[in-house]
Every structure is written in structure tokens, then in C-alpha cells.
Amino acid sequence: MPAPTSWWEDLYRTRDVSDLPWYTPALDVDLGAALATHAKPGSRILDLGTGPGTQAIGLAKRGYDVVATDIAPSAVRNAAHAARREGVRIDFRVDNILDSHLEDALVDAIVDRGVFHAMPPESRPRYVARVARILRPRGYLFLKAFSDQEPRQDGPYHFSPEELRSCFQESFEVLSIQDAIFHGTLEESPKALIAVFRRR
């Protein structure tokens, strides 16, 4: 099972987010480029697992209508404060994607920078079903996950392009899967994959 809500809540309540391994102060360049290709400014975007809120804030600054969710209330509260400081409007909500209360066909696209790769195999079909339901027809999922080329085996699950394709191909068209890195606070950034899927 994924880490319980209480684990994430304790993490975001007690830690300085800028010390977390996945923290980065701005929207990932590769995610921004993928979005620019497929999602026009004004599109409604869900930042799934917003954490410190930096990706959501970056999206809002690019003109997207952003909904941002996290399983941890403290993460949502702190991210909302950060968004107000930056002068952007974001619809923040506490939500667990595996038991999501988000509306059907809520958004044009979803950005997942690190949620899916924390899911154990038995939770992945439920994740795929939930994100497909939240997306509008022909909506996009932009997903970043650890690559099987990353030699460090601790942390999240690692995926090959073929494994990602297999997880999503029943509900999504696979538009691209490319090598990337996972920006953060580690001295050496982990190897990652960035995938673009379109809901069937």
C-alpha cells in the first residue's frame, strides 16, 4: 500500500519543504515544454500531489487555470500560502487520488510529478481509472517517474518505458516517453522518464 495519509501529513507539518529531495523552486523545464506543446494557456490543469506547490504556482504564472491537490492537509495549507505570496490564484484541495472526490471531467490535463511512481503495483489500475475519470475526453496526462536506468534503488518505484506503456495503454494513447531527470535537492539528480498520455 502507498504511505498512509498520516505519514505525508507528518512530513509536511514537521519538515522545511525546501529540504525535501523532490523540492524545486520552479516548474520543471521539461514539463513546461510538454505542456506548451499540448495545452494552451487558459486550459484547466490539475497538479496532482502538489506538495510545496511550486509546480502549481509555475503553471498559474504561465496562464493555466490550476487545481492543485495533495493527500496532506499541511502541504495544501502551506502551498496555498505560497501561492498567495506569489500573487496567483489556484484552487487547492485535499484529495487522495486512489479515493478521489474530484469531479468527473474536471480538467483538460493532469501533471503528475512523482505520485504514480510511489504507487505499488496493486494500486496502479485504480490510479489509472481515477485519472482517466477526472480528465475530459482527449485530455492529457503529463507524468514524471523514476527510470529503471537510475542506479539508486531506494525511494520510489523505477520504470522502463515499456512498463509505463503497459500500465496506461488500455485507457490512454501513449504519445511520448522520453528520458529526463528528476530535479530536486539531491547532489545528483535521479534519472527519470517523462511521459505524455492522451485519454482515449
C-alpha atoms as a PDB file:
ATOM      1  CA  MET A   1       0.000   0.000   0.000  1.00  0.00           C
ATOM      2  CA  PRO A   2       1.119   3.627  -0.511  1.00  0.00           C
ATOM      3  CA  ALA A   3       2.347   5.542   2.529  1.00  0.00           C
ATOM      4  CA  PRO A   4      -0.630   6.479   4.721  1.00  0.00           C
ATOM      5  CA  THR A   5      -2.015   9.999   4.870  1.00  0.00           C
ATOM      6  CA  SER A   6      -0.601  10.424   8.378  1.00  0.00           C
ATOM      7  CA  TRP A   7       2.947   9.800   7.108  1.00  0.00           C
ATOM      8  CA  TRP A   8       2.669  12.535   4.479  1.00  0.00           C
ATOM      9  CA  GLU A   9       0.937  14.877   6.914  1.00  0.00           C
ATOM     10  CA  ASP A  10       3.721  14.452   9.469  1.00  0.00           C
ATOM     11  CA  LEU A  11       6.311  15.056   6.766  1.00  0.00           C
ATOM     12  CA  TYR A  12       4.789  18.325   5.548  1.00  0.00           C
ATOM     13  CA  ARG A  13       3.917  19.501   9.058  1.00  0.00           C
ATOM     14  CA  THR A  14       7.397  18.980  10.515  1.00  0.00           C
ATOM     15  CA  ARG A  15       9.878  19.434   7.645  1.00  0.00           C
ATOM     16  CA  ASP A  16      11.039  22.502   5.755  1.00  0.00           C
ATOM     17  CA  VAL A  17       9.825  21.727   2.227  1.00  0.00           C
ATOM     18  CA  SER A  18      12.966  23.206   0.687  1.00  0.00           C
ATOM     19  CA  ASP A  19      14.941  20.355   2.295  1.00  0.00           C
ATOM     20  CA  LEU A  20      12.839  17.582   0.725  1.00  0.00           C
ATOM     21  CA  PRO A  21      14.596  15.562  -2.017  1.00  0.00           C
ATOM     22  CA  TRP A  22      11.961  16.411  -4.652  1.00  0.00           C
ATOM     23  CA  TYR A  23      11.789  20.138  -3.912  1.00  0.00           C
ATOM     24  CA  THR A  24      12.485  22.515  -6.759  1.00  0.00           C
ATOM     25  CA  PRO A  25      11.532  26.206  -6.701  1.00  0.00           C
ATOM     26  CA  ALA A  26      10.151  26.399 -10.232  1.00  0.00           C
ATOM     27  CA  LEU A  27       8.181  24.436 -12.812  1.00  0.00           C
ATOM     28  CA  ASP A  28      10.328  21.683 -14.330  1.00  0.00           C
ATOM     29  CA  VAL A  29      11.556  22.843 -17.730  1.00  0.00           C
ATOM     30  CA  ASP A  30      10.672  19.556 -19.444  1.00  0.00           C
ATOM     31  CA  LEU A  31       7.150  19.545 -18.005  1.00  0.00           C
ATOM     32  CA  GLY A  32       6.701  23.145 -19.087  1.00  0.00           C
ATOM     33  CA  ALA A  33       7.827  22.309 -22.618  1.00  0.00           C
ATOM     34  CA  ALA A  34       5.487  19.309 -22.859  1.00  0.00           C
ATOM     35  CA  LEU A  35       2.564  21.383 -21.621  1.00  0.00           C
ATOM     36  CA  ALA A  36       3.317  24.181 -24.072  1.00  0.00           C
ATOM     37  CA  THR A  37       3.074  21.657 -26.916  1.00  0.00           C
ATOM     38  CA  HIS A  38      -0.271  20.159 -25.909  1.00  0.00           C
ATOM     39  CA  ALA A  39      -2.125  22.529 -23.543  1.00  0.00           C
ATOM     40  CA  LYS A  40      -2.909  26.153 -24.346  1.00  0.00           C
ATOM     41  CA  PRO A  41      -2.819  28.825 -21.627  1.00  0.00           C
ATOM     42  CA  GLY A  42      -6.263  29.014 -20.071  1.00  0.00           C
ATOM     43  CA  SER A  43      -6.601  25.229 -20.061  1.00  0.00           C
ATOM     44  CA  ARG A  44      -7.629  23.762 -16.722  1.00  0.00           C
ATOM     45  CA  ILE A  45      -4.743  21.763 -15.244  1.00  0.00           C
ATOM     46  CA  LEU A  46      -4.611  19.520 -12.171  1.00  0.00           C
ATOM     47  CA  ASP A  47      -1.298  19.451 -10.308  1.00  0.00           C
ATOM     48  CA  LEU A  48      -1.581  16.051  -8.659  1.00  0.00           C
ATOM     49  CA  GLY A  49       0.379  15.712  -5.417  1.00  0.00           C
ATOM     50  CA  THR A  50       1.244  19.386  -5.313  1.00  0.00           C
ATOM     51  CA  GLY A  51       3.469  19.112  -2.218  1.00  0.00           C
ATOM     52  CA  PRO A  52       5.166  22.500  -1.795  1.00  0.00           C
ATOM     53  CA  GLY A  53       3.048  23.951  -4.611  1.00  0.00           C
ATOM     54  CA  THR A  54       5.915  25.156  -6.772  1.00  0.00           C
ATOM     55  CA  GLN A  55       4.752  23.315  -9.896  1.00  0.00           C
ATOM     56  CA  ALA A  56       1.194  24.627  -9.458  1.00  0.00           C
ATOM     57  CA  ILE A  57       2.465  28.174  -8.981  1.00  0.00           C
ATOM     58  CA  GLY A  58       4.626  27.856 -12.087  1.00  0.00           C
ATOM     59  CA  LEU A  59       1.628  26.638 -14.075  1.00  0.00           C
ATOM     60  CA  ALA A  60      -0.548  29.509 -12.861  1.00  0.00           C
ATOM     61  CA  LYS A  61       2.137  32.016 -13.837  1.00  0.00           C
ATOM     62  CA  ARG A  62       2.012  30.594 -17.363  1.00  0.00           C
ATOM     63  CA  GLY A  63      -1.681  31.378 -17.601  1.00  0.00           C
ATOM     64  CA  TYR A  64      -3.212  27.997 -16.794  1.00  0.00           C
ATOM     65  CA  ASP A  65      -6.336  27.606 -14.649  1.00  0.00           C
ATOM     66  CA  VAL A  66      -4.874  25.398 -11.919  1.00  0.00           C
ATOM     67  CA  VAL A  67      -6.406  22.933  -9.477  1.00  0.00           C
ATOM     68  CA  ALA A  68      -3.843  21.507  -7.046  1.00  0.00           C
ATOM     69  CA  THR A  69      -4.333  18.553  -4.713  1.00  0.00           C
ATOM     70  CA  ASP A  70      -2.374  16.744  -2.064  1.00  0.00           C
ATOM     71  CA  ILE A  71      -3.140  13.988   0.414  1.00  0.00           C
ATOM     72  CA  ALA A  72      -1.600  16.029   3.268  1.00  0.00           C
ATOM     73  CA  PRO A  73      -3.628  18.967   4.645  1.00  0.00           C
ATOM     74  CA  SER A  74      -0.434  20.702   5.805  1.00  0.00           C
ATOM     75  CA  ALA A  75       1.007  20.547   2.288  1.00  0.00           C
ATOM     76  CA  VAL A  76      -2.152  22.111   0.858  1.00  0.00           C
ATOM     77  CA  ARG A  77      -2.235  24.820   3.526  1.00  0.00           C
ATOM     78  CA  ASN A  78       1.428  25.746   3.051  1.00  0.00           C
ATOM     79  CA  ALA A  79       1.179  25.665  -0.749  1.00  0.00           C
ATOM     80  CA  ALA A  80      -1.855  27.964  -0.621  1.00  0.00           C
ATOM     81  CA  HIS A  81       0.141  30.449   1.478  1.00  0.00           C
ATOM     82  CA  ALA A  82       2.978  30.291  -1.062  1.00  0.00           C
ATOM     83  CA  ALA A  83       0.550  30.926  -3.933  1.00  0.00           C
ATOM     84  CA  ARG A  84      -0.862  33.988  -2.181  1.00  0.00           C
ATOM     85  CA  ARG A  85       2.658  35.329  -1.665  1.00  0.00           C
ATOM     86  CA  GLU A  86       3.290  34.879  -5.386  1.00  0.00           C
ATOM     87  CA  GLY A  87       0.016  36.609  -6.284  1.00  0.00           C
ATOM     88  CA  VAL A  88      -1.550  33.706  -8.199  1.00  0.00           C
ATOM     89  CA  ARG A  89      -4.983  32.117  -7.816  1.00  0.00           C
ATOM     90  CA  ILE A  90      -5.086  28.327  -7.511  1.00  0.00           C
ATOM     91  CA  ASP A  91      -7.914  26.033  -6.437  1.00  0.00           C
ATOM     92  CA  PHE A  92      -6.233  23.978  -3.686  1.00  0.00           C
ATOM     93  CA  ARG A  93      -7.949  20.835  -2.363  1.00  0.00           C
ATOM     94  CA  VAL A  94      -7.093  17.964  -0.025  1.00  0.00           C
ATOM     95  CA  ASP A  95      -7.632  14.756  -2.006  1.00  0.00           C
ATOM     96  CA  ASN A  96      -6.320  11.205  -2.316  1.00  0.00           C
ATOM     97  CA  ILE A  97      -6.217  10.112  -5.954  1.00  0.00           C
ATOM     98  CA  LEU A  98      -6.957   6.492  -5.009  1.00  0.00           C
ATOM     99  CA  ASP A  99     -10.203   7.581  -3.339  1.00  0.00           C
ATOM    100  CA  SER A 100     -10.695  10.843  -5.187  1.00  0.00           C
ATOM    101  CA  HIS A 101     -13.674  13.106  -4.676  1.00  0.00           C
ATOM    102  CA  LEU A 102     -12.780  15.312  -7.642  1.00  0.00           C
ATOM    103  CA  GLU A 103     -15.491  15.793 -10.214  1.00  0.00           C
ATOM    104  CA  ASP A 104     -15.635  13.776 -13.420  1.00  0.00           C
ATOM    105  CA  ALA A 105     -14.173  15.544 -16.483  1.00  0.00           C
ATOM    106  CA  LEU A 106     -12.807  18.298 -14.243  1.00  0.00           C
ATOM    107  CA  VAL A 107      -9.660  19.208 -16.162  1.00  0.00           C
ATOM    108  CA  ASP A 108      -8.053  19.317 -19.598  1.00  0.00           C
ATOM    109  CA  ALA A 109      -4.749  17.937 -18.337  1.00  0.00           C
ATOM    110  CA  ILE A 110      -3.076  16.442 -15.275  1.00  0.00           C
ATOM    111  CA  VAL A 111       0.527  16.932 -14.187  1.00  0.00           C
ATOM    112  CA  ASP A 112       1.919  14.137 -12.011  1.00  0.00           C
ATOM    113  CA  ARG A 113       5.446  14.823 -10.837  1.00  0.00           C
ATOM    114  CA  GLY A 114       6.046  11.893  -8.548  1.00  0.00           C
ATOM    115  CA  VAL A 115       2.709  10.452  -7.387  1.00  0.00           C
ATOM    116  CA  PHE A 116       2.396   7.447  -9.694  1.00  0.00           C
ATOM    117  CA  HIS A 117       5.917   6.214  -9.021  1.00  0.00           C
ATOM    118  CA  ALA A 118       5.046   5.946  -5.309  1.00  0.00           C
ATOM    119  CA  MET A 119       2.184   3.541  -6.096  1.00  0.00           C
ATOM    120  CA  PRO A 120       2.711  -0.192  -5.521  1.00  0.00           C
ATOM    121  CA  PRO A 121       1.621  -2.464  -8.386  1.00  0.00           C
ATOM    122  CA  GLU A 122      -1.741  -3.337  -6.833  1.00  0.00           C
ATOM    123  CA  SER A 123      -2.751   0.366  -6.667  1.00  0.00           C
ATOM    124  CA  ARG A 124      -1.818   1.312 -10.236  1.00  0.00           C
ATOM    125  CA  PRO A 125      -5.015   0.194 -12.042  1.00  0.00           C
ATOM    126  CA  ARG A 126      -7.083   2.238  -9.578  1.00  0.00           C
ATOM    127  CA  TYR A 127      -4.835   5.252 -10.158  1.00  0.00           C
ATOM    128  CA  VAL A 128      -5.214   4.945 -13.938  1.00  0.00           C
ATOM    129  CA  ALA A 129      -9.004   4.661 -13.657  1.00  0.00           C
ATOM    130  CA  ARG A 130      -9.206   7.721 -11.400  1.00  0.00           C
ATOM    131  CA  VAL A 131      -7.078  10.000 -13.563  1.00  0.00           C
ATOM    132  CA  ALA A 132      -8.983   8.913 -16.677  1.00  0.00           C
ATOM    133  CA  ARG A 133     -12.264   9.803 -14.959  1.00  0.00           C
ATOM    134  CA  ILE A 134     -11.042  13.243 -13.857  1.00  0.00           C
ATOM    135  CA  LEU A 135      -9.778  14.113 -17.346  1.00  0.00           C
ATOM    136  CA  ARG A 136     -12.029  15.480 -20.050  1.00  0.00           C
ATOM    137  CA  PRO A 137     -12.253  13.440 -23.270  1.00  0.00           C
ATOM    138  CA  ARG A 138      -8.912  13.523 -25.122  1.00  0.00           C
ATOM    139  CA  GLY A 139      -7.331  15.142 -22.077  1.00  0.00           C
ATOM    140  CA  TYR A 140      -3.612  14.805 -21.373  1.00  0.00           C
ATOM    141  CA  LEU A 141      -1.623  13.242 -18.555  1.00  0.00           C
ATOM    142  CA  PHE A 142       1.934  14.533 -18.141  1.00  0.00           C
ATOM    143  CA  LEU A 143       3.757  12.077 -15.913  1.00  0.00           C
ATOM    144  CA  LYS A 144       7.252  12.089 -14.456  1.00  0.00           C
ATOM    145  CA  ALA A 145       8.616   8.989 -12.734  1.00  0.00           C
ATOM    146  CA  PHE A 146      11.919   7.403 -11.791  1.00  0.00           C
ATOM    147  CA  SER A 147      13.589   5.486 -14.621  1.00  0.00           C
ATOM    148  CA  ASP A 148      14.880   1.945 -14.372  1.00  0.00           C
ATOM    149  CA  GLN A 149      18.188   3.469 -15.502  1.00  0.00           C
ATOM    150  CA  GLU A 150      18.510   5.189 -12.107  1.00  0.00           C
ATOM    151  CA  PRO A 151      21.069   3.079 -10.195  1.00  0.00           C
ATOM    152  CA  ARG A 152      19.903   4.057  -6.697  1.00  0.00           C
ATOM    153  CA  GLN A 153      17.245   1.551  -5.717  1.00  0.00           C
ATOM    154  CA  ASP A 154      15.890   3.285  -2.629  1.00  0.00           C
ATOM    155  CA  GLY A 155      12.942   5.646  -2.835  1.00  0.00           C
ATOM    156  CA  PRO A 156      10.099   5.328  -5.359  1.00  0.00           C
ATOM    157  CA  TYR A 157       9.463   2.539  -7.835  1.00  0.00           C
ATOM    158  CA  HIS A 158      11.524   2.608 -11.059  1.00  0.00           C
ATOM    159  CA  PHE A 159      10.021   2.112 -14.527  1.00  0.00           C
ATOM    160  CA  SER A 160      11.131   1.259 -18.037  1.00  0.00           C
ATOM    161  CA  PRO A 161       9.293   2.896 -20.947  1.00  0.00           C
ATOM    162  CA  GLU A 162       7.672  -0.475 -21.673  1.00  0.00           C
ATOM    163  CA  GLU A 163       6.375  -0.765 -18.103  1.00  0.00           C
ATOM    164  CA  LEU A 164       4.826   2.701 -18.216  1.00  0.00           C
ATOM    165  CA  ARG A 165       3.245   1.944 -21.576  1.00  0.00           C
ATOM    166  CA  SER A 166       1.782  -1.288 -20.230  1.00  0.00           C
ATOM    167  CA  CYS A 167       0.256   0.474 -17.208  1.00  0.00           C
ATOM    168  CA  PHE A 168      -1.559   3.107 -19.250  1.00  0.00           C
ATOM    169  CA  GLN A 169      -2.182   1.826 -22.778  1.00  0.00           C
ATOM    170  CA  GLU A 170      -5.664   0.439 -22.141  1.00  0.00           C
ATOM    171  CA  SER A 171      -7.095   3.843 -21.182  1.00  0.00           C
ATOM    172  CA  PHE A 172      -4.587   6.206 -22.810  1.00  0.00           C
ATOM    173  CA  GLU A 173      -2.789   6.765 -26.083  1.00  0.00           C
ATOM    174  CA  VAL A 174       0.952   6.877 -25.472  1.00  0.00           C
ATOM    175  CA  LEU A 175       2.187   9.996 -27.261  1.00  0.00           C
ATOM    176  CA  SER A 176       5.760  10.014 -25.989  1.00  0.00           C
ATOM    177  CA  ILE A 177       8.061   8.642 -23.299  1.00  0.00           C
ATOM    178  CA  GLN A 178      11.455  10.314 -23.033  1.00  0.00           C
ATOM    179  CA  ASP A 179      14.482  10.259 -20.762  1.00  0.00           C
ATOM    180  CA  ALA A 180      14.610  13.056 -18.199  1.00  0.00           C
ATOM    181  CA  ILE A 181      15.969  13.877 -14.777  1.00  0.00           C
ATOM    182  CA  PHE A 182      14.101  14.428 -11.533  1.00  0.00           C
ATOM    183  CA  HIS A 183      15.128  17.887 -10.340  1.00  0.00           C
ATOM    184  CA  GLY A 184      15.380  18.377  -6.595  1.00  0.00           C
ATOM    185  CA  THR A 185      17.802  18.915  -3.753  1.00  0.00           C
ATOM    186  CA  LEU A 186      19.945  15.796  -4.209  1.00  0.00           C
ATOM    187  CA  GLU A 187      23.528  16.383  -5.291  1.00  0.00           C
ATOM    188  CA  GLU A 188      22.990  14.145  -8.316  1.00  0.00           C
ATOM    189  CA  SER A 189      19.530  14.330  -9.901  1.00  0.00           C
ATOM    190  CA  PRO A 190      17.883  10.906 -10.332  1.00  0.00           C
ATOM    191  CA  LYS A 191      17.272   9.595 -13.835  1.00  0.00           C
ATOM    192  CA  ALA A 192      13.627   9.803 -14.795  1.00  0.00           C
ATOM    193  CA  LEU A 193      11.125   9.350 -17.583  1.00  0.00           C
ATOM    194  CA  ILE A 194       8.655  11.971 -18.744  1.00  0.00           C
ATOM    195  CA  ALA A 195       5.589  10.572 -20.476  1.00  0.00           C
ATOM    196  CA  VAL A 196       2.731  12.244 -22.314  1.00  0.00           C
ATOM    197  CA  PHE A 197      -0.518  10.266 -22.487  1.00  0.00           C
ATOM    198  CA  ARG A 198      -3.858  11.221 -24.039  1.00  0.00           C
ATOM    199  CA  ARG A 199      -7.110   9.810 -22.716  1.00  0.00           C
ATOM    200  CA  ARG A 200      -8.844   7.535 -25.205  1.00  0.00           C
END
